[in-house]
Amino acid sequence: MSAQFKLQLTPQDSIYLQATYSDSTSGDVRQYYNHDGTITNLPAPSFGLRVHETQEPNVFAGYHHEWSPGIHTLLLAGRLNDRFSLTEPNVAIQTIERGANGMAINTFDSPFSLGTGICTTV
């Protein structure tokens, strides 16, 4: 979803505003010849892969001033907020637990999961 607005203040000045929102969820969207996983020794899609991304809200504001024909000043500021997560239960990461002396005391497999959140103001 997106909304944008432009206003001409004077013949030489204008402002611009834009706000966007995005919420997307998907799984394994790659194309496979072995789409149902019934053929052995061929790659198959992962039915457990989940990807989720949210951008809420991304906001941009701009200002334009024309001093004379061909001479312009432009200013653009924005705030970007993005959250991304990926979970793949069919892939395990071998994890090693170490004791106080640094020696391995336990190993186990944990499912792969990744999550990030980024907020940037420019």
PDB file of N, CA and C in Angstrom:
ATOM      1  N   MET A   1       0.851  -1.144   0.000  1.00  0.00           N
ATOM      2  CA  MET A   1       0.000   0.000   0.000  1.00  0.00           C
ATOM      3  C   MET A   1       0.911   1.225   0.000  1.00  0.00           C
ATOM      4  N   SER A   2       0.536   2.228  -0.769  1.00  0.00           N
ATOM      5  CA  SER A   2       1.356   3.422  -0.882  1.00  0.00           C
ATOM      6  C   SER A   2       0.461   4.635  -1.113  1.00  0.00           C
ATOM      7  N   ALA A   3       0.875   5.761  -0.564  1.00  0.00           N
ATOM      8  CA  ALA A   3       0.169   7.025  -0.808  1.00  0.00           C
ATOM      9  C   ALA A   3       1.213   8.091  -1.040  1.00  0.00           C
ATOM     10  N   GLN A   4       0.951   8.964  -2.014  1.00  0.00           N
ATOM     11  CA  GLN A   4       1.873  10.060  -2.269  1.00  0.00           C
ATOM     12  C   GLN A   4       1.097  11.337  -2.519  1.00  0.00           C
ATOM     13  N   PHE A   5       1.755  12.456  -2.204  1.00  0.00           N
ATOM     14  CA  PHE A   5       1.107  13.757  -2.247  1.00  0.00           C
ATOM     15  C   PHE A   5       2.139  14.787  -2.691  1.00  0.00           C
ATOM     16  N   LYS A   6       1.774  15.634  -3.642  1.00  0.00           N
ATOM     17  CA  LYS A   6       2.651  16.710  -4.090  1.00  0.00           C
ATOM     18  C   LYS A   6       1.854  17.998  -4.080  1.00  0.00           C
ATOM     19  N   LEU A   7       2.455  19.056  -3.546  1.00  0.00           N
ATOM     20  CA  LEU A   7       1.786  20.350  -3.446  1.00  0.00           C
ATOM     21  C   LEU A   7       2.704  21.431  -3.983  1.00  0.00           C
ATOM     22  N   GLN A   8       2.185  22.210  -4.915  1.00  0.00           N
ATOM     23  CA  GLN A   8       2.918  23.354  -5.474  1.00  0.00           C
ATOM     24  C   GLN A   8       2.612  24.548  -4.584  1.00  0.00           C
ATOM     25  N   LEU A   9       3.581  24.992  -3.767  1.00  0.00           N
ATOM     26  CA  LEU A   9       3.375  26.105  -2.839  1.00  0.00           C
ATOM     27  C   LEU A   9       3.393  27.443  -3.562  1.00  0.00           C
ATOM     28  N   THR A  10       4.394  27.652  -4.381  1.00  0.00           N
ATOM     29  CA  THR A  10       4.538  28.862  -5.211  1.00  0.00           C
ATOM     30  C   THR A  10       4.999  28.399  -6.581  1.00  0.00           C
ATOM     31  N   PRO A  11       5.088  29.270  -7.571  1.00  0.00           N
ATOM     32  CA  PRO A  11       5.605  28.822  -8.868  1.00  0.00           C
ATOM     33  C   PRO A  11       7.029  28.249  -8.792  1.00  0.00           C
ATOM     34  N   GLN A  12       7.788  28.576  -7.739  1.00  0.00           N
ATOM     35  CA  GLN A  12       9.159  28.075  -7.603  1.00  0.00           C
ATOM     36  C   GLN A  12       9.322  26.994  -6.545  1.00  0.00           C
ATOM     37  N   ASP A  13       8.335  26.791  -5.680  1.00  0.00           N
ATOM     38  CA  ASP A  13       8.484  25.867  -4.551  1.00  0.00           C
ATOM     39  C   ASP A  13       7.407  24.778  -4.577  1.00  0.00           C
ATOM     40  N   SER A  14       7.847  23.557  -4.269  1.00  0.00           N
ATOM     41  CA  SER A  14       6.899  22.450  -4.135  1.00  0.00           C
ATOM     42  C   SER A  14       7.401  21.479  -3.064  1.00  0.00           C
ATOM     43  N   ILE A  15       6.446  20.742  -2.469  1.00  0.00           N
ATOM     44  CA  ILE A  15       6.781  19.718  -1.480  1.00  0.00           C
ATOM     45  C   ILE A  15       6.176  18.392  -1.929  1.00  0.00           C
ATOM     46  N   TYR A  16       6.784  17.302  -1.440  1.00  0.00           N
ATOM     47  CA  TYR A  16       6.366  15.959  -1.815  1.00  0.00           C
ATOM     48  C   TYR A  16       6.370  15.087  -0.565  1.00  0.00           C
ATOM     49  N   LEU A  17       5.326  14.284  -0.376  1.00  0.00           N
ATOM     50  CA  LEU A  17       5.239  13.345   0.738  1.00  0.00           C
ATOM     51  C   LEU A  17       4.844  11.976   0.196  1.00  0.00           C
ATOM     52  N   GLN A  18       5.454  10.921   0.742  1.00  0.00           N
ATOM     53  CA  GLN A  18       5.107   9.552   0.352  1.00  0.00           C
ATOM     54  C   GLN A  18       5.216   8.654   1.576  1.00  0.00           C
ATOM     55  N   ALA A  19       4.221   7.785   1.735  1.00  0.00           N
ATOM     56  CA  ALA A  19       4.244   6.786   2.798  1.00  0.00           C
ATOM     57  C   ALA A  19       3.905   5.443   2.169  1.00  0.00           C
ATOM     58  N   THR A  20       4.664   4.400   2.538  1.00  0.00           N
ATOM     59  CA  THR A  20       4.420   3.064   2.000  1.00  0.00           C
ATOM     60  C   THR A  20       4.358   2.060   3.151  1.00  0.00           C
ATOM     61  N   TYR A  21       3.576   1.005   2.939  1.00  0.00           N
ATOM     62  CA  TYR A  21       3.467  -0.094   3.895  1.00  0.00           C
ATOM     63  C   TYR A  21       3.446  -1.387   3.097  1.00  0.00           C
ATOM     64  N   SER A  22       4.174  -2.390   3.574  1.00  0.00           N
ATOM     65  CA  SER A  22       4.209  -3.673   2.887  1.00  0.00           C
ATOM     66  C   SER A  22       4.283  -4.788   3.922  1.00  0.00           C
ATOM     67  N   ASP A  23       3.485  -5.834   3.722  1.00  0.00           N
ATOM     68  CA  ASP A  23       3.508  -7.010   4.583  1.00  0.00           C
ATOM     69  C   ASP A  23       3.441  -8.228   3.673  1.00  0.00           C
ATOM     70  N   SER A  24       4.503  -9.016   3.650  1.00  0.00           N
ATOM     71  CA  SER A  24       4.593 -10.122   2.700  1.00  0.00           C
ATOM     72  C   SER A  24       5.010 -11.399   3.416  1.00  0.00           C
ATOM     73  N   THR A  25       4.336 -12.497   3.083  1.00  0.00           N
ATOM     74  CA  THR A  25       4.645 -13.810   3.632  1.00  0.00           C
ATOM     75  C   THR A  25       4.717 -14.797   2.476  1.00  0.00           C
ATOM     76  N   SER A  26       5.729 -15.660   2.499  1.00  0.00           N
ATOM     77  CA  SER A  26       5.851 -16.657   1.424  1.00  0.00           C
ATOM     78  C   SER A  26       6.552 -17.896   1.959  1.00  0.00           C
ATOM     79  N   GLY A  27       6.607 -18.888   1.098  1.00  0.00           N
ATOM     80  CA  GLY A  27       7.339 -20.124   1.388  1.00  0.00           C
ATOM     81  C   GLY A  27       8.424 -20.284   0.340  1.00  0.00           C
ATOM     82  N   ASP A  28       8.678 -21.506  -0.068  1.00  0.00           N
ATOM     83  CA  ASP A  28       9.677 -21.784  -1.109  1.00  0.00           C
ATOM     84  C   ASP A  28       9.024 -21.530  -2.469  1.00  0.00           C
ATOM     85  N   VAL A  29       9.377 -20.428  -3.126  1.00  0.00           N
ATOM     86  CA  VAL A  29       8.739 -20.037  -4.390  1.00  0.00           C
ATOM     87  C   VAL A  29       9.599 -20.371  -5.610  1.00  0.00           C
ATOM     88  N   ARG A  30      10.705 -21.069  -5.395  1.00  0.00           N
ATOM     89  CA  ARG A  30      11.535 -21.468  -6.535  1.00  0.00           C
ATOM     90  C   ARG A  30      10.811 -22.519  -7.366  1.00  0.00           C
ATOM     91  N   GLN A  31      11.113 -22.564  -8.664  1.00  0.00           N
ATOM     92  CA  GLN A  31      10.498 -23.551  -9.541  1.00  0.00           C
ATOM     93  C   GLN A  31      11.345 -24.819  -9.559  1.00  0.00           C
ATOM     94  N   TYR A  32      10.696 -25.970  -9.437  1.00  0.00           N
ATOM     95  CA  TYR A  32      11.369 -27.261  -9.419  1.00  0.00           C
ATOM     96  C   TYR A  32      10.722 -28.189 -10.444  1.00  0.00           C
ATOM     97  N   TYR A  33      11.554 -29.006 -11.084  1.00  0.00           N
ATOM     98  CA  TYR A  33      11.020 -30.065 -11.928  1.00  0.00           C
ATOM     99  C   TYR A  33      10.333 -31.113 -11.050  1.00  0.00           C
ATOM    100  N   ASN A  34      10.924 -31.360  -9.896  1.00  0.00           N
ATOM    101  CA  ASN A  34      10.418 -32.331  -8.926  1.00  0.00           C
ATOM    102  C   ASN A  34       9.555 -31.586  -7.900  1.00  0.00           C
ATOM    103  N   HIS A  35       8.459 -30.984  -8.345  1.00  0.00           N
ATOM    104  CA  HIS A  35       7.675 -30.079  -7.512  1.00  0.00           C
ATOM    105  C   HIS A  35       6.985 -30.738  -6.319  1.00  0.00           C
ATOM    106  N   ASP A  36       6.764 -32.035  -6.350  1.00  0.00           N
ATOM    107  CA  ASP A  36       6.114 -32.697  -5.209  1.00  0.00           C
ATOM    108  C   ASP A  36       7.066 -33.587  -4.406  1.00  0.00           C
ATOM    109  N   GLY A  37       8.358 -33.616  -4.795  1.00  0.00           N
ATOM    110  CA  GLY A  37       9.368 -34.351  -4.046  1.00  0.00           C
ATOM    111  C   GLY A  37       9.301 -35.856  -4.188  1.00  0.00           C
ATOM    112  N   THR A  38       8.667 -36.371  -5.252  1.00  0.00           N
ATOM    113  CA  THR A  38       8.517 -37.818  -5.404  1.00  0.00           C
ATOM    114  C   THR A  38       9.661 -38.474  -6.167  1.00  0.00           C
ATOM    115  N   ILE A  39      10.479 -37.697  -6.871  1.00  0.00           N
ATOM    116  CA  ILE A  39      11.589 -38.257  -7.649  1.00  0.00           C
ATOM    117  C   ILE A  39      12.849 -38.197  -6.787  1.00  0.00           C
ATOM    118  N   THR A  40      13.465 -39.347  -6.546  1.00  0.00           N
ATOM    119  CA  THR A  40      14.662 -39.369  -5.707  1.00  0.00           C
ATOM    120  C   THR A  40      15.845 -38.765  -6.468  1.00  0.00           C
ATOM    121  N   ASN A  41      16.804 -38.242  -5.744  1.00  0.00           N
ATOM    122  CA  ASN A  41      18.047 -37.650  -6.260  1.00  0.00           C
ATOM    123  C   ASN A  41      17.817 -36.372  -7.069  1.00  0.00           C
ATOM    124  N   LEU A  42      16.651 -35.760  -6.985  1.00  0.00           N
ATOM    125  CA  LEU A  42      16.400 -34.461  -7.610  1.00  0.00           C
ATOM    126  C   LEU A  42      15.988 -33.473  -6.531  1.00  0.00           C
ATOM    127  N   PRO A  43      16.449 -32.215  -6.624  1.00  0.00           N
ATOM    128  CA  PRO A  43      16.042 -31.231  -5.614  1.00  0.00           C
ATOM    129  C   PRO A  43      14.520 -31.075  -5.591  1.00  0.00           C
ATOM    130  N   ALA A  44      13.989 -30.876  -4.406  1.00  0.00           N
ATOM    131  CA  ALA A  44      12.553 -30.684  -4.219  1.00  0.00           C
ATOM    132  C   ALA A  44      12.328 -29.446  -3.350  1.00  0.00           C
ATOM    133  N   PRO A  45      11.163 -28.852  -3.440  1.00  0.00           N
ATOM    134  CA  PRO A  45      10.900 -27.660  -2.621  1.00  0.00           C
ATOM    135  C   PRO A  45      10.848 -27.990  -1.135  1.00  0.00           C
ATOM    136  N   SER A  46      11.121 -26.998  -0.335  1.00  0.00           N
ATOM    137  CA  SER A  46      11.026 -27.143   1.116  1.00  0.00           C
ATOM    138  C   SER A  46       9.624 -26.715   1.531  1.00  0.00           C
ATOM    139  N   PHE A  47       8.866 -27.635   2.091  1.00  0.00           N
ATOM    140  CA  PHE A  47       7.502 -27.327   2.498  1.00  0.00           C
ATOM    141  C   PHE A  47       7.451 -26.625   3.855  1.00  0.00           C
ATOM    142  N   GLY A  48       8.573 -26.530   4.545  1.00  0.00           N
ATOM    143  CA  GLY A  48       8.607 -25.863   5.847  1.00  0.00           C
ATOM    144  C   GLY A  48       9.174 -24.459   5.808  1.00  0.00           C
ATOM    145  N   LEU A  49       9.759 -24.041   4.677  1.00  0.00           N
ATOM    146  CA  LEU A  49      10.374 -22.709   4.579  1.00  0.00           C
ATOM    147  C   LEU A  49       9.316 -21.625   4.709  1.00  0.00           C
ATOM    148  N   ARG A  50       9.548 -20.655   5.588  1.00  0.00           N
ATOM    149  CA  ARG A  50       8.645 -19.518   5.769  1.00  0.00           C
ATOM    150  C   ARG A  50       9.464 -18.234   5.791  1.00  0.00           C
ATOM    151  N   VAL A  51       9.035 -17.271   4.972  1.00  0.00           N
ATOM    152  CA  VAL A  51       9.689 -15.967   4.900  1.00  0.00           C
ATOM    153  C   VAL A  51       8.627 -14.910   5.175  1.00  0.00           C
ATOM    154  N   HIS A  52       8.940 -13.962   6.055  1.00  0.00           N
ATOM    155  CA  HIS A  52       8.006 -12.881   6.366  1.00  0.00           C
ATOM    156  C   HIS A  52       8.772 -11.568   6.403  1.00  0.00           C
ATOM    157  N   GLU A  53       8.258 -10.568   5.683  1.00  0.00           N
ATOM    158  CA  GLU A  53       8.875  -9.240   5.670  1.00  0.00           C
ATOM    159  C   GLU A  53       7.791  -8.190   5.854  1.00  0.00           C
ATOM    160  N   THR A  54       8.067  -7.231   6.740  1.00  0.00           N
ATOM    161  CA  THR A  54       7.150  -6.128   6.999  1.00  0.00           C
ATOM    162  C   THR A  54       7.923  -4.819   6.904  1.00  0.00           C
ATOM    163  N   GLN A  55       7.384  -3.894   6.128  1.00  0.00           N
ATOM    164  CA  GLN A  55       7.933  -2.536   6.049  1.00  0.00           C
ATOM    165  C   GLN A  55       6.814  -1.614   6.520  1.00  0.00           C
ATOM    166  N   GLU A  56       6.993  -1.020   7.699  1.00  0.00           N
ATOM    167  CA  GLU A  56       5.917  -0.216   8.260  1.00  0.00           C
ATOM    168  C   GLU A  56       6.435   0.982   9.010  1.00  0.00           C
ATOM    169  N   PRO A  57       5.970   2.122   8.823  1.00  0.00           N
ATOM    170  CA  PRO A  57       5.781   2.666   7.487  1.00  0.00           C
ATOM    171  C   PRO A  57       7.093   3.253   7.002  1.00  0.00           C
ATOM    172  N   ASN A  58       7.302   3.248   5.728  1.00  0.00           N
ATOM    173  CA  ASN A  58       8.429   3.961   5.129  1.00  0.00           C
ATOM    174  C   ASN A  58       7.891   5.319   4.701  1.00  0.00           C
ATOM    175  N   VAL A  59       8.529   6.376   5.170  1.00  0.00           N
ATOM    176  CA  VAL A  59       8.030   7.728   4.937  1.00  0.00           C
ATOM    177  C   VAL A  59       9.127   8.561   4.275  1.00  0.00           C
ATOM    178  N   PHE A  60       8.743   9.305   3.233  1.00  0.00           N
ATOM    179  CA  PHE A  60       9.675  10.183   2.524  1.00  0.00           C
ATOM    180  C   PHE A  60       9.054  11.571   2.422  1.00  0.00           C
ATOM    181  N   ALA A  61       9.894  12.602   2.574  1.00  0.00           N
ATOM    182  CA  ALA A  61       9.452  13.988   2.415  1.00  0.00           C
ATOM    183  C   ALA A  61      10.480  14.698   1.544  1.00  0.00           C
ATOM    184  N   GLY A  62       9.993  15.494   0.593  1.00  0.00           N
ATOM    185  CA  GLY A  62      10.894  16.197  -0.313  1.00  0.00           C
ATOM    186  C   GLY A  62      10.514  17.648  -0.471  1.00  0.00           C
ATOM    187  N   TYR A  63      11.511  18.450  -0.817  1.00  0.00           N
ATOM    188  CA  TYR A  63      11.308  19.877  -1.071  1.00  0.00           C
ATOM    189  C   TYR A  63      12.060  20.239  -2.345  1.00  0.00           C
ATOM    190  N   HIS A  64      11.446  21.054  -3.186  1.00  0.00           N
ATOM    191  CA  HIS A  64      12.057  21.499  -4.441  1.00  0.00           C
ATOM    192  C   HIS A  64      11.907  23.014  -4.562  1.00  0.00           C
ATOM    193  N   HIS A  65      13.017  23.673  -4.886  1.00  0.00           N
ATOM    194  CA  HIS A  65      12.987  25.119  -5.139  1.00  0.00           C
ATOM    195  C   HIS A  65      13.726  25.389  -6.447  1.00  0.00           C
ATOM    196  N   GLU A  66      13.092  26.151  -7.330  1.00  0.00           N
ATOM    197  CA  GLU A  66      13.714  26.549  -8.602  1.00  0.00           C
ATOM    198  C   GLU A  66      14.155  28.005  -8.467  1.00  0.00           C
ATOM    199  N   TRP A  67      15.476  28.236  -8.451  1.00  0.00           N
ATOM    200  CA  TRP A  67      16.014  29.582  -8.304  1.00  0.00           C
ATOM    201  C   TRP A  67      15.861  30.360  -9.606  1.00  0.00           C
ATOM    202  N   SER A  68      16.175  29.710 -10.702  1.00  0.00           N
ATOM    203  CA  SER A  68      15.987  30.265 -12.048  1.00  0.00           C
ATOM    204  C   SER A  68      15.958  29.067 -12.986  1.00  0.00           C
ATOM    205  N   PRO A  69      15.556  29.250 -14.251  1.00  0.00           N
ATOM    206  CA  PRO A  69      15.499  28.092 -15.150  1.00  0.00           C
ATOM    207  C   PRO A  69      16.840  27.351 -15.193  1.00  0.00           C
ATOM    208  N   GLY A  70      16.790  26.051 -14.878  1.00  0.00           N
ATOM    209  CA  GLY A  70      17.993  25.224 -14.903  1.00  0.00           C
ATOM    210  C   GLY A  70      18.752  25.170 -13.593  1.00  0.00           C
ATOM    211  N   ILE A  71      18.375  25.969 -12.592  1.00  0.00           N
ATOM    212  CA  ILE A  71      19.064  25.968 -11.294  1.00  0.00           C
ATOM    213  C   ILE A  71      18.040  25.594 -10.223  1.00  0.00           C
ATOM    214  N   HIS A  72      18.211  24.380  -9.649  1.00  0.00           N
ATOM    215  CA  HIS A  72      17.238  23.830  -8.707  1.00  0.00           C
ATOM    216  C   HIS A  72      17.928  23.359  -7.435  1.00  0.00           C
ATOM    217  N   THR A  73      17.195  23.390  -6.337  1.00  0.00           N
ATOM    218  CA  THR A  73      17.623  22.788  -5.083  1.00  0.00           C
ATOM    219  C   THR A  73      16.612  21.704  -4.734  1.00  0.00           C
ATOM    220  N   LEU A  74      17.111  20.491  -4.457  1.00  0.00           N
ATOM    221  CA  LEU A  74      16.261  19.364  -4.092  1.00  0.00           C
ATOM    222  C   LEU A  74      16.693  18.827  -2.733  1.00  0.00           C
ATOM    223  N   LEU A  75      15.735  18.506  -1.904  1.00  0.00           N
ATOM    224  CA  LEU A  75      15.996  17.908  -0.599  1.00  0.00           C
ATOM    225  C   LEU A  75      15.041  16.733  -0.429  1.00  0.00           C
ATOM    226  N   LEU A  76      15.583  15.579  -0.045  1.00  0.00           N
ATOM    227  CA  LEU A  76      14.758  14.397   0.208  1.00  0.00           C
ATOM    228  C   LEU A  76      15.196  13.773   1.522  1.00  0.00           C
ATOM    229  N   ALA A  77      14.248  13.548   2.423  1.00  0.00           N
ATOM    230  CA  ALA A  77      14.518  12.885   3.702  1.00  0.00           C
ATOM    231  C   ALA A  77      13.579  11.696   3.811  1.00  0.00           C
ATOM    232  N   GLY A  78      14.043  10.647   4.473  1.00  0.00           N
ATOM    233  CA  GLY A  78      13.203   9.463   4.582  1.00  0.00           C
ATOM    234  C   GLY A  78      13.478   8.679   5.844  1.00  0.00           C
ATOM    235  N   ARG A  79      12.494   7.879   6.214  1.00  0.00           N
ATOM    236  CA  ARG A  79      12.608   6.950   7.343  1.00  0.00           C
ATOM    237  C   ARG A  79      12.180   5.578   6.839  1.00  0.00           C
ATOM    238  N   LEU A  80      13.088   4.596   6.970  1.00  0.00           N
ATOM    239  CA  LEU A  80      12.843   3.245   6.489  1.00  0.00           C
ATOM    240  C   LEU A  80      12.808   2.295   7.682  1.00  0.00           C
ATOM    241  N   ASN A  81      11.763   1.467   7.757  1.00  0.00           N
ATOM    242  CA  ASN A  81      11.628   0.498   8.841  1.00  0.00           C
ATOM    243  C   ASN A  81      11.297  -0.852   8.213  1.00  0.00           C
ATOM    244  N   ASP A  82      12.205  -1.821   8.329  1.00  0.00           N
ATOM    245  CA  ASP A  82      12.040  -3.118   7.676  1.00  0.00           C
ATOM    246  C   ASP A  82      12.307  -4.229   8.680  1.00  0.00           C
ATOM    247  N   ARG A  83      11.424  -5.226   8.729  1.00  0.00           N
ATOM    248  CA  ARG A  83      11.624  -6.421   9.559  1.00  0.00           C
ATOM    249  C   ARG A  83      11.524  -7.636   8.659  1.00  0.00           C
ATOM    250  N   PHE A  84      12.507  -8.538   8.787  1.00  0.00           N
ATOM    251  CA  PHE A  84      12.599  -9.709   7.924  1.00  0.00           C
ATOM    252  C   PHE A  84      12.871 -10.937   8.788  1.00  0.00           C
ATOM    253  N   SER A  85      12.134 -12.018   8.535  1.00  0.00           N
ATOM    254  CA  SER A  85      12.420 -13.269   9.245  1.00  0.00           C
ATOM    255  C   SER A  85      12.331 -14.425   8.263  1.00  0.00           C
ATOM    256  N   LEU A  86      13.180 -15.424   8.480  1.00  0.00           N
ATOM    257  CA  LEU A  86      13.229 -16.619   7.652  1.00  0.00           C
ATOM    258  C   LEU A  86      13.384 -17.817   8.579  1.00  0.00           C
ATOM    259  N   THR A  87      12.530 -18.812   8.402  1.00  0.00           N
ATOM    260  CA  THR A  87      12.600 -20.028   9.199  1.00  0.00           C
ATOM    261  C   THR A  87      12.598 -21.232   8.265  1.00  0.00           C
ATOM    262  N   GLU A  88      13.531 -22.142   8.496  1.00  0.00           N
ATOM    263  CA  GLU A  88      13.632 -23.363   7.687  1.00  0.00           C
ATOM    264  C   GLU A  88      13.827 -24.536   8.641  1.00  0.00           C
ATOM    265  N   PRO A  89      12.730 -25.214   9.046  1.00  0.00           N
ATOM    266  CA  PRO A  89      12.869 -26.313  10.006  1.00  0.00           C
ATOM    267  C   PRO A  89      13.537 -27.557   9.427  1.00  0.00           C
ATOM    268  N   ASN A  90      13.613 -27.674   8.098  1.00  0.00           N
ATOM    269  CA  ASN A  90      14.222 -28.867   7.485  1.00  0.00           C
ATOM    270  C   ASN A  90      15.742 -28.784   7.416  1.00  0.00           C
ATOM    271  N   VAL A  91      16.315 -27.657   7.807  1.00  0.00           N
ATOM    272  CA  VAL A  91      17.765 -27.494   7.826  1.00  0.00           C
ATOM    273  C   VAL A  91      18.187 -27.317   9.278  1.00  0.00           C
ATOM    274  N   ALA A  92      19.126 -28.112   9.706  1.00  0.00           N
ATOM    275  CA  ALA A  92      19.585 -28.038  11.092  1.00  0.00           C
ATOM    276  C   ALA A  92      21.016 -27.507  11.134  1.00  0.00           C
ATOM    277  N   ILE A  93      21.278 -26.701  12.125  1.00  0.00           N
ATOM    278  CA  ILE A  93      22.621 -26.175  12.358  1.00  0.00           C
ATOM    279  C   ILE A  93      23.191 -26.922  13.554  1.00  0.00           C
ATOM    280  N   GLN A  94      24.323 -27.569  13.352  1.00  0.00           N
ATOM    281  CA  GLN A  94      24.917 -28.298  14.468  1.00  0.00           C
ATOM    282  C   GLN A  94      25.492 -27.294  15.453  1.00  0.00           C
ATOM    283  N   THR A  95      25.053 -27.403  16.684  1.00  0.00           N
ATOM    284  CA  THR A  95      25.450 -26.485  17.737  1.00  0.00           C
ATOM    285  C   THR A  95      26.288 -27.244  18.762  1.00  0.00           C
ATOM    286  N   ILE A  96      27.377 -26.616  19.185  1.00  0.00           N
ATOM    287  CA  ILE A  96      28.267 -27.234  20.172  1.00  0.00           C
ATOM    288  C   ILE A  96      28.190 -26.419  21.456  1.00  0.00           C
ATOM    289  N   GLU A  97      27.872 -27.080  22.538  1.00  0.00           N
ATOM    290  CA  GLU A  97      27.838 -26.427  23.842  1.00  0.00           C
ATOM    291  C   GLU A  97      29.168 -26.689  24.537  1.00  0.00           C
ATOM    292  N   ARG A  98      29.801 -25.618  24.999  1.00  0.00           N
ATOM    293  CA  ARG A  98      31.118 -25.737  25.632  1.00  0.00           C
ATOM    294  C   ARG A  98      31.013 -25.431  27.123  1.00  0.00           C
ATOM    295  N   GLY A  99      31.842 -26.111  27.889  1.00  0.00           N
ATOM    296  CA  GLY A  99      31.904 -25.878  29.332  1.00  0.00           C
ATOM    297  C   GLY A  99      32.799 -24.689  29.650  1.00  0.00           C
ATOM    298  N   ALA A 100      32.980 -24.430  30.931  1.00  0.00           N
ATOM    299  CA  ALA A 100      33.805 -23.306  31.389  1.00  0.00           C
ATOM    300  C   ALA A 100      35.251 -23.447  30.945  1.00  0.00           C
ATOM    301  N   ASN A 101      35.734 -24.677  30.767  1.00  0.00           N
ATOM    302  CA  ASN A 101      37.122 -24.895  30.356  1.00  0.00           C
ATOM    303  C   ASN A 101      37.290 -24.858  28.835  1.00  0.00           C
ATOM    304  N   GLY A 102      36.187 -24.645  28.091  1.00  0.00           N
ATOM    305  CA  GLY A 102      36.271 -24.567  26.634  1.00  0.00           C
ATOM    306  C   GLY A 102      36.094 -25.889  25.925  1.00  0.00           C
ATOM    307  N   MET A 103      35.971 -26.964  26.654  1.00  0.00           N
ATOM    308  CA  MET A 103      35.799 -28.283  26.057  1.00  0.00           C
ATOM    309  C   MET A 103      34.327 -28.497  25.688  1.00  0.00           C
ATOM    310  N   ALA A 104      34.123 -29.203  24.583  1.00  0.00           N
ATOM    311  CA  ALA A 104      32.760 -29.507  24.148  1.00  0.00           C
ATOM    312  C   ALA A 104      32.113 -30.490  25.119  1.00  0.00           C
ATOM    313  N   ILE A 105      30.921 -30.132  25.610  1.00  0.00           N
ATOM    314  CA  ILE A 105      30.225 -31.023  26.540  1.00  0.00           C
ATOM    315  C   ILE A 105      28.934 -31.580  25.945  1.00  0.00           C
ATOM    316  N   ASN A 106      28.454 -30.965  24.868  1.00  0.00           N
ATOM    317  CA  ASN A 106      27.209 -31.432  24.267  1.00  0.00           C
ATOM    318  C   ASN A 106      27.117 -30.913  22.833  1.00  0.00           C
ATOM    319  N   THR A 107      26.544 -31.696  21.946  1.00  0.00           N
ATOM    320  CA  THR A 107      26.241 -31.234  20.592  1.00  0.00           C
ATOM    321  C   THR A 107      24.784 -31.549  20.298  1.00  0.00           C
ATOM    322  N   PHE A 108      24.132 -30.672  19.587  1.00  0.00           N
ATOM    323  CA  PHE A 108      22.739 -30.896  19.203  1.00  0.00           C
ATOM    324  C   PHE A 108      22.447 -30.099  17.942  1.00  0.00           C
ATOM    325  N   ASP A 109      21.403 -30.506  17.237  1.00  0.00           N
ATOM    326  CA  ASP A 109      20.964 -29.818  16.029  1.00  0.00           C
ATOM    327  C   ASP A 109      19.829 -28.875  16.391  1.00  0.00           C
ATOM    328  N   SER A 110      19.923 -27.636  15.905  1.00  0.00           N
ATOM    329  CA  SER A 110      18.849 -26.672  16.124  1.00  0.00           C
ATOM    330  C   SER A 110      18.340 -26.190  14.766  1.00  0.00           C
ATOM    331  N   PRO A 111      17.024 -25.946  14.627  1.00  0.00           N
ATOM    332  CA  PRO A 111      16.478 -25.502  13.339  1.00  0.00           C
ATOM    333  C   PRO A 111      17.001 -24.119  12.973  1.00  0.00           C
ATOM    334  N   PHE A 112      17.119 -23.884  11.669  1.00  0.00           N
ATOM    335  CA  PHE A 112      17.623 -22.610  11.165  1.00  0.00           C
ATOM    336  C   PHE A 112      16.539 -21.555  11.270  1.00  0.00           C
ATOM    337  N   SER A 113      16.874 -20.420  11.871  1.00  0.00           N
ATOM    338  CA  SER A 113      15.936 -19.304  11.985  1.00  0.00           C
ATOM    339  C   SER A 113      16.735 -18.009  11.943  1.00  0.00           C
ATOM    340  N   LEU A 114      16.241 -17.033  11.187  1.00  0.00           N
ATOM    341  CA  LEU A 114      16.930 -15.754  11.027  1.00  0.00           C
ATOM    342  C   LEU A 114      15.909 -14.650  11.144  1.00  0.00           C
ATOM    343  N   GLY A 115      16.209 -13.634  11.916  1.00  0.00           N
ATOM    344  CA  GLY A 115      15.303 -12.493  12.027  1.00  0.00           C
ATOM    345  C   GLY A 115      16.120 -11.215  12.147  1.00  0.00           C
ATOM    346  N   THR A 116      15.731 -10.187  11.398  1.00  0.00           N
ATOM    347  CA  THR A 116      16.415  -8.908  11.472  1.00  0.00           C
ATOM    348  C   THR A 116      15.385  -7.794  11.511  1.00  0.00           C
ATOM    349  N   GLY A 117      15.767  -6.700  12.107  1.00  0.00           N
ATOM    350  CA  GLY A 117      14.931  -5.495  12.112  1.00  0.00           C
ATOM    351  C   GLY A 117      15.819  -4.293  11.871  1.00  0.00           C
ATOM    352  N   ILE A 118      15.472  -3.483  10.899  1.00  0.00           N
ATOM    353  CA  ILE A 118      16.285  -2.339  10.531  1.00  0.00           C
ATOM    354  C   ILE A 118      15.413  -1.097  10.505  1.00  0.00           C
ATOM    355  N   CYS A 119      15.864  -0.055  11.158  1.00  0.00           N
ATOM    356  CA  CYS A 119      15.190   1.229  11.076  1.00  0.00           C
ATOM    357  C   CYS A 119      16.244   2.272  10.725  1.00  0.00           C
ATOM    358  N   THR A 120      16.073   2.972   9.636  1.00  0.00           N
ATOM    359  CA  THR A 120      17.064   3.937   9.162  1.00  0.00           C
ATOM    360  C   THR A 120      16.384   5.259   8.857  1.00  0.00           C
ATOM    361  N   THR A 121      16.995   6.338   9.304  1.00  0.00           N
ATOM    362  CA  THR A 121      16.520   7.673   8.967  1.00  0.00           C
ATOM    363  C   THR A 121      17.587   8.340   8.143  1.00  0.00           C
ATOM    364  N   VAL A 122      17.212   8.831   6.959  1.00  0.00           N
ATOM    365  CA  VAL A 122      18.167   9.467   6.060  1.00  0.00           C
ATOM    366  C   VAL A 122      17.817  10.921   5.916  1.00  0.00           C
TER     367      VAL A 122
END
